[in-house]
Amino acid sequence: MYSAITRDIQITVLTEFVPERSDADEASFFWAYTVEIANKGELTVQLTARHWKITDGNGKLEEVQGPGIVGEQPVLKPGETFRYTSGCPLSTPSGIMTGSYRMVTEKGDVFEAEIPVFSLDSPFSRQVLN
């Protein structure tokens, strides 16, 4: 589990390699990730946009930006959480993801809530032994 807090917004990510949607012979690897966004503060906030940075095992970076998440722009009152699951395909057996969510407070303040860096590791990843 990976976690980060920005201005009382806690973002936690849990990843899972999905072997039934992966095929090493075809260089196709798939992960599911579940994100929980918790408002630990005293102000209501709304998530309005996302910015993902996805890096495969060869160092190739792909950036994904857009409004909301999974078709929603959730509003989180103090103490509320929002959880969703999505997926990430890669052509390498490992990679990393990170990014941010644009948040707007009820007072109109805009800030970027950090998505913690998390790894995407499959059983096909090379292990380095010392």
C-alpha atoms as a PDB file:
ATOM      1  CA  MET A   1       0.000   0.000   0.000  1.00  0.00           C
ATOM      2  CA  TYR A   2       1.221   3.493  -0.890  1.00  0.00           C
ATOM      3  CA  SER A   3       0.000   6.713   0.727  1.00  0.00           C
ATOM      4  CA  ALA A   4       0.520  10.499   0.539  1.00  0.00           C
ATOM      5  CA  ILE A   5      -1.152  13.481   2.220  1.00  0.00           C
ATOM      6  CA  THR A   6      -1.462  16.947   0.682  1.00  0.00           C
ATOM      7  CA  ARG A   7      -3.390  19.673   2.533  1.00  0.00           C
ATOM      8  CA  ASP A   8      -5.423  17.129   4.549  1.00  0.00           C
ATOM      9  CA  ILE A   9      -6.261  15.004   1.483  1.00  0.00           C
ATOM     10  CA  GLN A  10      -4.933  11.473   1.934  1.00  0.00           C
ATOM     11  CA  ILE A  11      -4.490   9.381  -1.199  1.00  0.00           C
ATOM     12  CA  THR A  12      -3.857   5.666  -0.754  1.00  0.00           C
ATOM     13  CA  VAL A  13      -3.155   3.227  -3.591  1.00  0.00           C
ATOM     14  CA  LEU A  14      -3.244  -0.567  -3.608  1.00  0.00           C
ATOM     15  CA  THR A  15      -2.060  -2.453  -6.719  1.00  0.00           C
ATOM     16  CA  GLU A  16      -2.636  -5.955  -8.013  1.00  0.00           C
ATOM     17  CA  PHE A  17      -1.135  -7.723 -11.023  1.00  0.00           C
ATOM     18  CA  VAL A  18      -3.896  -9.305 -13.128  1.00  0.00           C
ATOM     19  CA  PRO A  19      -2.496 -12.497 -14.715  1.00  0.00           C
ATOM     20  CA  GLU A  20      -5.707 -13.376 -16.581  1.00  0.00           C
ATOM     21  CA  ARG A  21      -5.444 -10.096 -18.550  1.00  0.00           C
ATOM     22  CA  SER A  22      -1.698 -10.472 -19.161  1.00  0.00           C
ATOM     23  CA  ASP A  23       0.352 -12.464 -21.668  1.00  0.00           C
ATOM     24  CA  ALA A  24       4.145 -12.434 -21.267  1.00  0.00           C
ATOM     25  CA  ASP A  25       4.617 -13.989 -24.720  1.00  0.00           C
ATOM     26  CA  GLU A  26       2.764 -11.012 -26.240  1.00  0.00           C
ATOM     27  CA  ALA A  27       4.526  -8.423 -23.994  1.00  0.00           C
ATOM     28  CA  SER A  28       1.177  -7.506 -22.486  1.00  0.00           C
ATOM     29  CA  PHE A  29       0.948  -6.945 -18.730  1.00  0.00           C
ATOM     30  CA  PHE A  30      -2.018  -5.558 -16.798  1.00  0.00           C
ATOM     31  CA  TRP A  31      -2.485  -4.211 -13.281  1.00  0.00           C
ATOM     32  CA  ALA A  32      -5.545  -3.121 -11.359  1.00  0.00           C
ATOM     33  CA  TYR A  33      -5.114  -0.320  -8.853  1.00  0.00           C
ATOM     34  CA  THR A  34      -7.542   0.881  -6.225  1.00  0.00           C
ATOM     35  CA  VAL A  35      -7.331   4.496  -5.086  1.00  0.00           C
ATOM     36  CA  GLU A  36      -8.918   5.832  -1.913  1.00  0.00           C
ATOM     37  CA  ILE A  37      -9.154   9.605  -1.485  1.00  0.00           C
ATOM     38  CA  ALA A  38      -9.935  10.675   2.083  1.00  0.00           C
ATOM     39  CA  ASN A  39     -10.744  14.206   3.211  1.00  0.00           C
ATOM     40  CA  LYS A  40      -9.033  14.521   6.610  1.00  0.00           C
ATOM     41  CA  GLY A  41      -9.569  18.283   6.732  1.00  0.00           C
ATOM     42  CA  GLU A  42     -12.298  20.709   7.731  1.00  0.00           C
ATOM     43  CA  LEU A  43     -13.247  22.025   4.285  1.00  0.00           C
ATOM     44  CA  THR A  44     -15.312  20.368   1.551  1.00  0.00           C
ATOM     45  CA  VAL A  45     -13.241  19.709  -1.594  1.00  0.00           C
ATOM     46  CA  GLN A  46     -13.985  18.605  -5.134  1.00  0.00           C
ATOM     47  CA  LEU A  47     -11.676  16.601  -7.386  1.00  0.00           C
ATOM     48  CA  THR A  48     -11.839  18.277 -10.800  1.00  0.00           C
ATOM     49  CA  ALA A  49      -8.954  16.777 -12.819  1.00  0.00           C
ATOM     50  CA  ARG A  50      -6.273  14.102 -12.906  1.00  0.00           C
ATOM     51  CA  HIS A  51      -2.681  14.005 -14.143  1.00  0.00           C
ATOM     52  CA  TRP A  52      -1.003  10.592 -14.321  1.00  0.00           C
ATOM     53  CA  LYS A  53       2.662   9.867 -15.116  1.00  0.00           C
ATOM     54  CA  ILE A  54       3.128   6.225 -16.142  1.00  0.00           C
ATOM     55  CA  THR A  55       6.655   4.931 -16.711  1.00  0.00           C
ATOM     56  CA  ASP A  56       7.257   1.457 -18.102  1.00  0.00           C
ATOM     57  CA  GLY A  57      10.204  -0.796 -17.289  1.00  0.00           C
ATOM     58  CA  ASN A  58      12.211   0.705 -20.175  1.00  0.00           C
ATOM     59  CA  GLY A  59      11.808   4.250 -18.834  1.00  0.00           C
ATOM     60  CA  LYS A  60       9.219   5.305 -21.435  1.00  0.00           C
ATOM     61  CA  LEU A  61       6.951   7.967 -19.904  1.00  0.00           C
ATOM     62  CA  GLU A  62       3.283   8.400 -20.786  1.00  0.00           C
ATOM     63  CA  GLU A  63       1.232  11.247 -19.323  1.00  0.00           C
ATOM     64  CA  VAL A  64      -2.552  11.110 -19.023  1.00  0.00           C
ATOM     65  CA  GLN A  65      -4.574  14.200 -18.139  1.00  0.00           C
ATOM     66  CA  GLY A  66      -8.263  14.916 -18.073  1.00  0.00           C
ATOM     67  CA  PRO A  67     -11.307  15.939 -16.109  1.00  0.00           C
ATOM     68  CA  GLY A  68     -12.262  13.956 -13.008  1.00  0.00           C
ATOM     69  CA  ILE A  69     -11.755  10.242 -12.444  1.00  0.00           C
ATOM     70  CA  VAL A  70     -13.770   7.312 -13.789  1.00  0.00           C
ATOM     71  CA  GLY A  71     -16.273   9.771 -15.251  1.00  0.00           C
ATOM     72  CA  GLU A  72     -16.846  11.572 -11.947  1.00  0.00           C
ATOM     73  CA  GLN A  73     -15.755  14.734 -10.169  1.00  0.00           C
ATOM     74  CA  PRO A  74     -16.422  13.665  -6.588  1.00  0.00           C
ATOM     75  CA  VAL A  75     -17.174  16.129  -3.801  1.00  0.00           C
ATOM     76  CA  LEU A  76     -15.750  15.112  -0.427  1.00  0.00           C
ATOM     77  CA  LYS A  77     -17.062  16.656   2.750  1.00  0.00           C
ATOM     78  CA  PRO A  78     -14.852  16.538   5.860  1.00  0.00           C
ATOM     79  CA  GLY A  79     -14.404  12.899   6.918  1.00  0.00           C
ATOM     80  CA  GLU A  80     -15.672  11.432   3.614  1.00  0.00           C
ATOM     81  CA  THR A  81     -13.787   9.120   1.276  1.00  0.00           C
ATOM     82  CA  PHE A  82     -14.099   8.180  -2.386  1.00  0.00           C
ATOM     83  CA  ARG A  83     -12.749   4.889  -3.724  1.00  0.00           C
ATOM     84  CA  TYR A  84     -12.413   3.594  -7.262  1.00  0.00           C
ATOM     85  CA  THR A  85     -10.580   0.890  -9.163  1.00  0.00           C
ATOM     86  CA  SER A  86      -8.984   1.290 -12.573  1.00  0.00           C
ATOM     87  CA  GLY A  87      -6.326  -0.457 -14.611  1.00  0.00           C
ATOM     88  CA  CYS A  88      -3.035   0.037 -16.372  1.00  0.00           C
ATOM     89  CA  PRO A  89      -1.637  -1.988 -19.294  1.00  0.00           C
ATOM     90  CA  LEU A  90       2.093  -1.993 -20.003  1.00  0.00           C
ATOM     91  CA  SER A  91       4.293  -3.720 -22.578  1.00  0.00           C
ATOM     92  CA  THR A  92       6.938  -4.381 -19.902  1.00  0.00           C
ATOM     93  CA  PRO A  93       6.626  -6.630 -16.820  1.00  0.00           C
ATOM     94  CA  SER A  94       7.114  -3.710 -14.439  1.00  0.00           C
ATOM     95  CA  GLY A  95       6.697   0.049 -14.186  1.00  0.00           C
ATOM     96  CA  ILE A  96       5.751   2.901 -11.909  1.00  0.00           C
ATOM     97  CA  MET A  97       2.897   5.385 -11.686  1.00  0.00           C
ATOM     98  CA  THR A  98       2.497   8.715  -9.922  1.00  0.00           C
ATOM     99  CA  GLY A  99       0.665  11.961 -10.478  1.00  0.00           C
ATOM    100  CA  SER A 100      -1.788  14.356  -8.908  1.00  0.00           C
ATOM    101  CA  TYR A 101      -5.451  15.229  -8.585  1.00  0.00           C
ATOM    102  CA  ARG A 102      -6.556  18.851  -8.948  1.00  0.00           C
ATOM    103  CA  MET A 103      -8.680  19.733  -5.940  1.00  0.00           C
ATOM    104  CA  VAL A 104     -10.834  22.816  -5.339  1.00  0.00           C
ATOM    105  CA  THR A 105     -11.913  23.770  -1.816  1.00  0.00           C
ATOM    106  CA  GLU A 106     -15.307  25.228  -0.954  1.00  0.00           C
ATOM    107  CA  LYS A 107     -13.481  28.587  -0.642  1.00  0.00           C
ATOM    108  CA  GLY A 108     -12.261  28.324  -4.240  1.00  0.00           C
ATOM    109  CA  ASP A 109      -8.621  27.462  -3.460  1.00  0.00           C
ATOM    110  CA  VAL A 110      -7.079  25.174  -6.085  1.00  0.00           C
ATOM    111  CA  PHE A 111      -4.245  22.758  -5.292  1.00  0.00           C
ATOM    112  CA  GLU A 112      -2.647  19.567  -6.591  1.00  0.00           C
ATOM    113  CA  ALA A 113      -2.998  16.573  -4.260  1.00  0.00           C
ATOM    114  CA  GLU A 114      -0.055  14.213  -4.688  1.00  0.00           C
ATOM    115  CA  ILE A 115      -0.674  10.648  -5.811  1.00  0.00           C
ATOM    116  CA  PRO A 116       2.142   8.626  -4.229  1.00  0.00           C
ATOM    117  CA  VAL A 117       4.636   6.902  -6.507  1.00  0.00           C
ATOM    118  CA  PHE A 118       3.679   3.233  -6.711  1.00  0.00           C
ATOM    119  CA  SER A 119       5.244   0.286  -8.446  1.00  0.00           C
ATOM    120  CA  LEU A 120       3.689  -2.124 -10.893  1.00  0.00           C
ATOM    121  CA  ASP A 121       5.482  -5.426 -10.492  1.00  0.00           C
ATOM    122  CA  SER A 122       4.604  -8.732 -12.096  1.00  0.00           C
ATOM    123  CA  PRO A 123       5.980 -12.219 -11.505  1.00  0.00           C
ATOM    124  CA  PHE A 124       7.852 -11.690 -14.798  1.00  0.00           C
ATOM    125  CA  SER A 125       9.919  -8.774 -13.434  1.00  0.00           C
ATOM    126  CA  ARG A 126      13.637  -9.456 -13.197  1.00  0.00           C
ATOM    127  CA  GLN A 127      14.879  -9.779  -9.664  1.00  0.00           C
ATOM    128  CA  VAL A 128      18.313  -8.407  -8.801  1.00  0.00           C
ATOM    129  CA  LEU A 129      20.139 -10.492  -6.220  1.00  0.00           C
ATOM    130  CA  ASN A 130      23.095  -9.217  -4.223  1.00  0.00           C
END
